[in-house]
């Protein structure tokens, strides 16, 4: 969550237009908690279907992510 000063956040949902300008600290903890819950439910859903859940850091080049995944199979 790299925001530190007042920032404008724009909805990415169609028909949910609009923007909010606010200080990130007012939403940071709720955002991170929602993100954690979403990741947990995604991992649980994958596990229930027998699918391996592999968290990926988007800063890592895709070829490194794919290559490391083939090494653990």
PDB file of N, CA and C in Angstrom:
ATOM      1  N   UNK A   1       0.850  -1.168   0.000  1.00  0.00           N
ATOM      2  CA  UNK A   1       0.000   0.000   0.000  1.00  0.00           C
ATOM      3  C   UNK A   1       0.893   1.226   0.000  1.00  0.00           C
ATOM      4  N   UNK A   2       1.308   1.668  -1.180  1.00  0.00           N
ATOM      5  CA  UNK A   2       2.364   2.675  -1.288  1.00  0.00           C
ATOM      6  C   UNK A   2       1.918   4.130  -1.133  1.00  0.00           C
ATOM      7  N   UNK A   3       0.665   4.379  -0.818  1.00  0.00           N
ATOM      8  CA  UNK A   3       0.179   5.757  -0.774  1.00  0.00           C
ATOM      9  C   UNK A   3       0.491   6.399   0.572  1.00  0.00           C
ATOM     10  N   UNK A   4       0.993   7.623   0.538  1.00  0.00           N
ATOM     11  CA  UNK A   4       1.377   8.293   1.776  1.00  0.00           C
ATOM     12  C   UNK A   4       0.704   9.641   1.977  1.00  0.00           C
ATOM     13  N   UNK A   5       0.314  10.300   0.900  1.00  0.00           N
ATOM     14  CA  UNK A   5      -0.320  11.609   1.035  1.00  0.00           C
ATOM     15  C   UNK A   5      -1.694  11.562   0.379  1.00  0.00           C
ATOM     16  N   UNK A   6      -2.446  12.639   0.513  1.00  0.00           N
ATOM     17  CA  UNK A   6      -3.770  12.669  -0.091  1.00  0.00           C
ATOM     18  C   UNK A   6      -3.692  12.192  -1.532  1.00  0.00           C
ATOM     19  N   UNK A   7      -4.575  11.268  -1.883  1.00  0.00           N
ATOM     20  CA  UNK A   7      -4.571  10.659  -3.213  1.00  0.00           C
ATOM     21  C   UNK A   7      -6.001  10.544  -3.705  1.00  0.00           C
ATOM     22  N   UNK A   8      -6.150  10.495  -5.014  1.00  0.00           N
ATOM     23  CA  UNK A   8      -7.465  10.297  -5.605  1.00  0.00           C
ATOM     24  C   UNK A   8      -7.589   8.836  -6.017  1.00  0.00           C
ATOM     25  N   UNK A   9      -8.636   8.183  -5.534  1.00  0.00           N
ATOM     26  CA  UNK A   9      -8.909   6.793  -5.850  1.00  0.00           C
ATOM     27  C   UNK A   9     -10.141   6.751  -6.744  1.00  0.00           C
ATOM     28  N   UNK A  10     -10.009   6.114  -7.905  1.00  0.00           N
ATOM     29  CA  UNK A  10     -11.085   6.055  -8.893  1.00  0.00           C
ATOM     30  C   UNK A  10     -11.591   4.623  -8.975  1.00  0.00           C
ATOM     31  N   UNK A  11     -12.911   4.461  -8.961  1.00  0.00           N
ATOM     32  CA  UNK A  11     -13.516   3.139  -9.048  1.00  0.00           C
ATOM     33  C   UNK A  11     -13.207   2.497 -10.393  1.00  0.00           C
ATOM     34  N   UNK A  12     -12.885   1.208 -10.372  1.00  0.00           N
ATOM     35  CA  UNK A  12     -12.626   0.462 -11.603  1.00  0.00           C
ATOM     36  C   UNK A  12     -13.861  -0.319 -12.036  1.00  0.00           C
ATOM     37  N   UNK A  13     -14.926  -0.270 -11.242  1.00  0.00           N
ATOM     38  CA  UNK A  13     -16.153  -0.991 -11.556  1.00  0.00           C
ATOM     39  C   UNK A  13     -17.001  -0.185 -12.532  1.00  0.00           C
ATOM     40  N   UNK A  14     -17.489  -0.817 -13.605  1.00  0.00           N
ATOM     41  CA  UNK A  14     -18.360  -0.113 -14.557  1.00  0.00           C
ATOM     42  C   UNK A  14     -19.629   0.390 -13.859  1.00  0.00           C
ATOM     43  N   UNK A  15     -20.030   1.589 -14.179  1.00  0.00           N
ATOM     44  CA  UNK A  15     -21.245   2.142 -13.602  1.00  0.00           C
ATOM     45  C   UNK A  15     -21.104   2.590 -12.165  1.00  0.00           C
ATOM     46  N   UNK A  16     -19.941   2.439 -11.613  1.00  0.00           N
ATOM     47  CA  UNK A  16     -19.692   2.826 -10.234  1.00  0.00           C
ATOM     48  C   UNK A  16     -18.761   4.029 -10.229  1.00  0.00           C
ATOM     49  N   UNK A  17     -18.942   4.875 -11.237  1.00  0.00           N
ATOM     50  CA  UNK A  17     -18.043   5.997 -11.466  1.00  0.00           C
ATOM     51  C   UNK A  17     -17.895   6.888 -10.259  1.00  0.00           C
ATOM     52  N   UNK A  18     -16.905   7.676 -10.336  1.00  0.00           N
ATOM     53  CA  UNK A  18     -16.648   8.586  -9.246  1.00  0.00           C
ATOM     54  C   UNK A  18     -15.263   8.368  -8.692  1.00  0.00           C
ATOM     55  N   UNK A  19     -14.857   9.345  -7.951  1.00  0.00           N
ATOM     56  CA  UNK A  19     -13.526   9.282  -7.364  1.00  0.00           C
ATOM     57  C   UNK A  19     -13.592   9.814  -5.945  1.00  0.00           C
ATOM     58  N   UNK A  20     -12.725   9.312  -5.130  1.00  0.00           N
ATOM     59  CA  UNK A  20     -12.593   9.790  -3.762  1.00  0.00           C
ATOM     60  C   UNK A  20     -11.194  10.344  -3.579  1.00  0.00           C
ATOM     61  N   UNK A  21     -11.121  11.491  -2.965  1.00  0.00           N
ATOM     62  CA  UNK A  21      -9.820  12.035  -2.601  1.00  0.00           C
ATOM     63  C   UNK A  21      -9.741  11.960  -1.088  1.00  0.00           C
ATOM     64  N   UNK A  22      -8.776  11.223  -0.601  1.00  0.00           N
ATOM     65  CA  UNK A  22      -8.658  11.048   0.841  1.00  0.00           C
ATOM     66  C   UNK A  22      -7.229  10.728   1.230  1.00  0.00           C
ATOM     67  N   UNK A  23      -7.009  10.755   2.523  1.00  0.00           N
ATOM     68  CA  UNK A  23      -5.688  10.393   3.027  1.00  0.00           C
ATOM     69  C   UNK A  23      -5.662   8.878   3.189  1.00  0.00           C
ATOM     70  N   UNK A  24      -4.675   8.217   2.631  1.00  0.00           N
ATOM     71  CA  UNK A  24      -4.624   6.753   2.622  1.00  0.00           C
ATOM     72  C   UNK A  24      -4.684   6.095   4.001  1.00  0.00           C
ATOM     73  N   UNK A  25      -4.178   6.756   5.025  1.00  0.00           N
ATOM     74  CA  UNK A  25      -4.202   6.144   6.356  1.00  0.00           C
ATOM     75  C   UNK A  25      -5.620   5.878   6.841  1.00  0.00           C
ATOM     76  N   UNK A  26      -6.602   6.599   6.285  1.00  0.00           N
ATOM     77  CA  UNK A  26      -7.982   6.381   6.712  1.00  0.00           C
ATOM     78  C   UNK A  26      -8.556   5.069   6.180  1.00  0.00           C
ATOM     79  N   UNK A  27      -7.972   4.513   5.136  1.00  0.00           N
ATOM     80  CA  UNK A  27      -8.492   3.271   4.555  1.00  0.00           C
ATOM     81  C   UNK A  27      -7.464   2.141   4.525  1.00  0.00           C
ATOM     82  N   UNK A  28      -6.230   2.436   4.868  1.00  0.00           N
ATOM     83  CA  UNK A  28      -5.147   1.452   4.736  1.00  0.00           C
ATOM     84  C   UNK A  28      -5.440   0.148   5.470  1.00  0.00           C
ATOM     85  N   UNK A  29      -5.759   0.208   6.754  1.00  0.00           N
ATOM     86  CA  UNK A  29      -5.938  -1.029   7.521  1.00  0.00           C
ATOM     87  C   UNK A  29      -7.124  -1.838   7.003  1.00  0.00           C
ATOM     88  N   UNK A  30      -8.229  -1.168   6.655  1.00  0.00           N
ATOM     89  CA  UNK A  30      -9.391  -1.889   6.121  1.00  0.00           C
ATOM     90  C   UNK A  30      -9.060  -2.521   4.774  1.00  0.00           C
ATOM     91  N   UNK A  31      -8.341  -1.799   3.928  1.00  0.00           N
ATOM     92  CA  UNK A  31      -7.945  -2.334   2.619  1.00  0.00           C
ATOM     93  C   UNK A  31      -7.079  -3.579   2.793  1.00  0.00           C
ATOM     94  N   UNK A  32      -6.066  -3.491   3.648  1.00  0.00           N
ATOM     95  CA  UNK A  32      -5.163  -4.628   3.841  1.00  0.00           C
ATOM     96  C   UNK A  32      -5.885  -5.825   4.450  1.00  0.00           C
ATOM     97  N   UNK A  33      -6.824  -5.586   5.364  1.00  0.00           N
ATOM     98  CA  UNK A  33      -7.597  -6.679   5.949  1.00  0.00           C
ATOM     99  C   UNK A  33      -8.495  -7.325   4.898  1.00  0.00           C
ATOM    100  N   UNK A  34      -9.155  -6.528   4.074  1.00  0.00           N
ATOM    101  CA  UNK A  34      -9.987  -7.086   2.993  1.00  0.00           C
ATOM    102  C   UNK A  34      -9.147  -7.879   2.006  1.00  0.00           C
ATOM    103  N   UNK A  35      -7.974  -7.392   1.690  1.00  0.00           N
ATOM    104  CA  UNK A  35      -7.071  -8.100   0.782  1.00  0.00           C
ATOM    105  C   UNK A  35      -6.633  -9.435   1.388  1.00  0.00           C
ATOM    106  N   UNK A  36      -6.311  -9.435   2.680  1.00  0.00           N
ATOM    107  CA  UNK A  36      -5.915 -10.673   3.357  1.00  0.00           C
ATOM    108  C   UNK A  36      -7.056 -11.688   3.332  1.00  0.00           C
ATOM    109  N   UNK A  37      -8.274 -11.235   3.630  1.00  0.00           N
ATOM    110  CA  UNK A  37      -9.432 -12.136   3.620  1.00  0.00           C
ATOM    111  C   UNK A  37      -9.687 -12.697   2.223  1.00  0.00           C
ATOM    112  N   UNK A  38      -9.556 -11.856   1.209  1.00  0.00           N
ATOM    113  CA  UNK A  38      -9.754 -12.306  -0.172  1.00  0.00           C
ATOM    114  C   UNK A  38      -8.714 -13.360  -0.543  1.00  0.00           C
ATOM    115  N   UNK A  39      -7.453 -13.109  -0.203  1.00  0.00           N
ATOM    116  CA  UNK A  39      -6.395 -14.087  -0.485  1.00  0.00           C
ATOM    117  C   UNK A  39      -6.636 -15.393   0.256  1.00  0.00           C
ATOM    118  N   UNK A  40      -7.055 -15.300   1.522  1.00  0.00           N
ATOM    119  CA  UNK A  40      -7.342 -16.507   2.299  1.00  0.00           C
ATOM    120  C   UNK A  40      -8.469 -17.317   1.664  1.00  0.00           C
ATOM    121  N   UNK A  41      -9.540 -16.639   1.227  1.00  0.00           N
ATOM    122  CA  UNK A  41     -10.660 -17.372   0.621  1.00  0.00           C
ATOM    123  C   UNK A  41     -10.265 -17.968  -0.726  1.00  0.00           C
ATOM    124  N   UNK A  42      -9.440 -17.266  -1.471  1.00  0.00           N
ATOM    125  CA  UNK A  42      -8.953 -17.797  -2.745  1.00  0.00           C
ATOM    126  C   UNK A  42      -8.101 -19.046  -2.510  1.00  0.00           C
ATOM    127  N   UNK A  43      -7.213 -18.979  -1.536  1.00  0.00           N
ATOM    128  CA  UNK A  43      -6.367 -20.133  -1.221  1.00  0.00           C
ATOM    129  C   UNK A  43      -7.209 -21.314  -0.742  1.00  0.00           C
ATOM    130  N   UNK A  44      -8.192 -21.049   0.095  1.00  0.00           N
ATOM    131  CA  UNK A  44      -9.068 -22.111   0.601  1.00  0.00           C
ATOM    132  C   UNK A  44      -9.863 -22.745  -0.543  1.00  0.00           C
ATOM    133  N   UNK A  45     -10.377 -21.920  -1.447  1.00  0.00           N
ATOM    134  CA  UNK A  45     -11.117 -22.434  -2.598  1.00  0.00           C
ATOM    135  C   UNK A  45     -10.252 -23.308  -3.481  1.00  0.00           C
ATOM    136  N   UNK A  46      -9.031 -22.877  -3.720  1.00  0.00           N
ATOM    137  CA  UNK A  46      -8.102 -23.683  -4.523  1.00  0.00           C
ATOM    138  C   UNK A  46      -7.833 -25.017  -3.842  1.00  0.00           C
ATOM    139  N   UNK A  47      -7.565 -24.963  -2.540  1.00  0.00           N
ATOM    140  CA  UNK A  47      -7.261 -26.178  -1.785  1.00  0.00           C
ATOM    141  C   UNK A  47      -8.429 -27.159  -1.847  1.00  0.00           C
ATOM    142  N   UNK A  48      -9.669 -26.643  -1.736  1.00  0.00           N
ATOM    143  CA  UNK A  48     -10.841 -27.530  -1.753  1.00  0.00           C
ATOM    144  C   UNK A  48     -11.029 -28.198  -3.112  1.00  0.00           C
ATOM    145  N   UNK A  49     -10.476 -27.604  -4.163  1.00  0.00           N
ATOM    146  CA  UNK A  49     -10.562 -28.178  -5.505  1.00  0.00           C
ATOM    147  C   UNK A  49      -9.313 -28.961  -5.891  1.00  0.00           C
ATOM    148  N   UNK A  50      -8.371 -29.068  -4.965  1.00  0.00           N
ATOM    149  CA  UNK A  50      -7.138 -29.789  -5.249  1.00  0.00           C
ATOM    150  C   UNK A  50      -6.184 -29.027  -6.145  1.00  0.00           C
ATOM    151  N   UNK A  51      -6.313 -27.710  -6.139  1.00  0.00           N
ATOM    152  CA  UNK A  51      -5.460 -26.863  -6.971  1.00  0.00           C
ATOM    153  C   UNK A  51      -4.392 -26.227  -6.094  1.00  0.00           C
ATOM    154  N   UNK A  52      -3.171 -26.258  -6.565  1.00  0.00           N
ATOM    155  CA  UNK A  52      -2.078 -25.636  -5.817  1.00  0.00           C
ATOM    156  C   UNK A  52      -2.189 -24.119  -5.928  1.00  0.00           C
ATOM    157  N   UNK A  53      -2.207 -23.449  -4.796  1.00  0.00           N
ATOM    158  CA  UNK A  53      -2.276 -21.987  -4.753  1.00  0.00           C
ATOM    159  C   UNK A  53      -0.858 -21.450  -4.662  1.00  0.00           C
ATOM    160  N   UNK A  54      -0.486 -20.610  -5.605  1.00  0.00           N
ATOM    161  CA  UNK A  54       0.867 -20.053  -5.626  1.00  0.00           C
ATOM    162  C   UNK A  54       0.772 -18.531  -5.606  1.00  0.00           C
ATOM    163  N   UNK A  55       1.035 -17.915  -4.451  1.00  0.00           N
ATOM    164  CA  UNK A  55       1.032 -16.453  -4.424  1.00  0.00           C
ATOM    165  C   UNK A  55       2.189 -15.919  -5.261  1.00  0.00           C
ATOM    166  N   UNK A  56       1.934 -14.852  -5.977  1.00  0.00           N
ATOM    167  CA  UNK A  56       2.935 -14.295  -6.884  1.00  0.00           C
ATOM    168  C   UNK A  56       3.136 -12.818  -6.569  1.00  0.00           C
ATOM    169  N   UNK A  57       4.374 -12.411  -6.514  1.00  0.00           N
ATOM    170  CA  UNK A  57       4.715 -10.999  -6.357  1.00  0.00           C
ATOM    171  C   UNK A  57       4.815 -10.414  -7.761  1.00  0.00           C
ATOM    172  N   UNK A  58       3.966  -9.458  -8.072  1.00  0.00           N
ATOM    173  CA  UNK A  58       3.936  -8.918  -9.432  1.00  0.00           C
ATOM    174  C   UNK A  58       5.192  -8.133  -9.793  1.00  0.00           C
ATOM    175  N   UNK A  59       6.046  -7.892  -8.819  1.00  0.00           N
ATOM    176  CA  UNK A  59       7.326  -7.240  -9.130  1.00  0.00           C
ATOM    177  C   UNK A  59       8.340  -8.239  -9.680  1.00  0.00           C
ATOM    178  N   UNK A  60       8.053  -9.532  -9.526  1.00  0.00           N
ATOM    179  CA  UNK A  60       8.939 -10.577 -10.031  1.00  0.00           C
ATOM    180  C   UNK A  60       8.630 -10.819 -11.503  1.00  0.00           C
ATOM    181  N   UNK A  61       9.646 -10.844 -12.355  1.00  0.00           N
ATOM    182  CA  UNK A  61       9.399 -11.114 -13.780  1.00  0.00           C
ATOM    183  C   UNK A  61       8.670 -12.449 -13.966  1.00  0.00           C
ATOM    184  N   UNK A  62       7.739 -12.488 -14.894  1.00  0.00           N
ATOM    185  CA  UNK A  62       6.892 -13.664 -15.089  1.00  0.00           C
ATOM    186  C   UNK A  62       7.698 -14.920 -15.393  1.00  0.00           C
ATOM    187  N   UNK A  63       8.785 -14.794 -16.143  1.00  0.00           N
ATOM    188  CA  UNK A  63       9.561 -15.995 -16.472  1.00  0.00           C
ATOM    189  C   UNK A  63      10.190 -16.602 -15.216  1.00  0.00           C
ATOM    190  N   UNK A  64      10.548 -15.779 -14.238  1.00  0.00           N
ATOM    191  CA  UNK A  64      11.088 -16.316 -12.983  1.00  0.00           C
ATOM    192  C   UNK A  64      10.002 -17.046 -12.202  1.00  0.00           C
ATOM    193  N   UNK A  65       8.808 -16.488 -12.188  1.00  0.00           N
ATOM    194  CA  UNK A  65       7.694 -17.112 -11.482  1.00  0.00           C
ATOM    195  C   UNK A  65       7.350 -18.458 -12.105  1.00  0.00           C
ATOM    196  N   UNK A  66       7.236 -18.495 -13.418  1.00  0.00           N
ATOM    197  CA  UNK A  66       6.898 -19.740 -14.114  1.00  0.00           C
ATOM    198  C   UNK A  66       8.007 -20.764 -13.919  1.00  0.00           C
ATOM    199  N   UNK A  67       9.256 -20.350 -14.051  1.00  0.00           N
ATOM    200  CA  UNK A  67      10.377 -21.275 -13.901  1.00  0.00           C
ATOM    201  C   UNK A  67      10.421 -21.855 -12.492  1.00  0.00           C
ATOM    202  N   UNK A  68      10.222 -21.018 -11.478  1.00  0.00           N
ATOM    203  CA  UNK A  68      10.267 -21.528 -10.106  1.00  0.00           C
ATOM    204  C   UNK A  68       9.115 -22.491  -9.856  1.00  0.00           C
ATOM    205  N   UNK A  69       7.972 -22.279 -10.511  1.00  0.00           N
ATOM    206  CA  UNK A  69       6.839 -23.187 -10.374  1.00  0.00           C
ATOM    207  C   UNK A  69       7.110 -24.546 -10.973  1.00  0.00           C
ATOM    208  N   UNK A  70       7.882 -24.591 -12.039  1.00  0.00           N
ATOM    209  CA  UNK A  70       8.192 -25.882 -12.651  1.00  0.00           C
ATOM    210  C   UNK A  70       9.218 -26.649 -11.826  1.00  0.00           C
ATOM    211  N   UNK A  71       9.986 -25.963 -11.025  1.00  0.00           N
ATOM    212  CA  UNK A  71      11.001 -26.617 -10.197  1.00  0.00           C
ATOM    213  C   UNK A  71      10.389 -27.337  -8.997  1.00  0.00           C
ATOM    214  N   UNK A  72       9.206 -26.883  -8.549  1.00  0.00           N
ATOM    215  CA  UNK A  72       8.605 -27.471  -7.352  1.00  0.00           C
ATOM    216  C   UNK A  72       7.605 -28.569  -7.665  1.00  0.00           C
ATOM    217  N   UNK A  73       7.361 -28.856  -8.914  1.00  0.00           N
ATOM    218  CA  UNK A  73       6.379 -29.881  -9.283  1.00  0.00           C
ATOM    219  C   UNK A  73       6.989 -31.241  -9.250  1.00  0.00           C
TER     220      UNK A  73
END
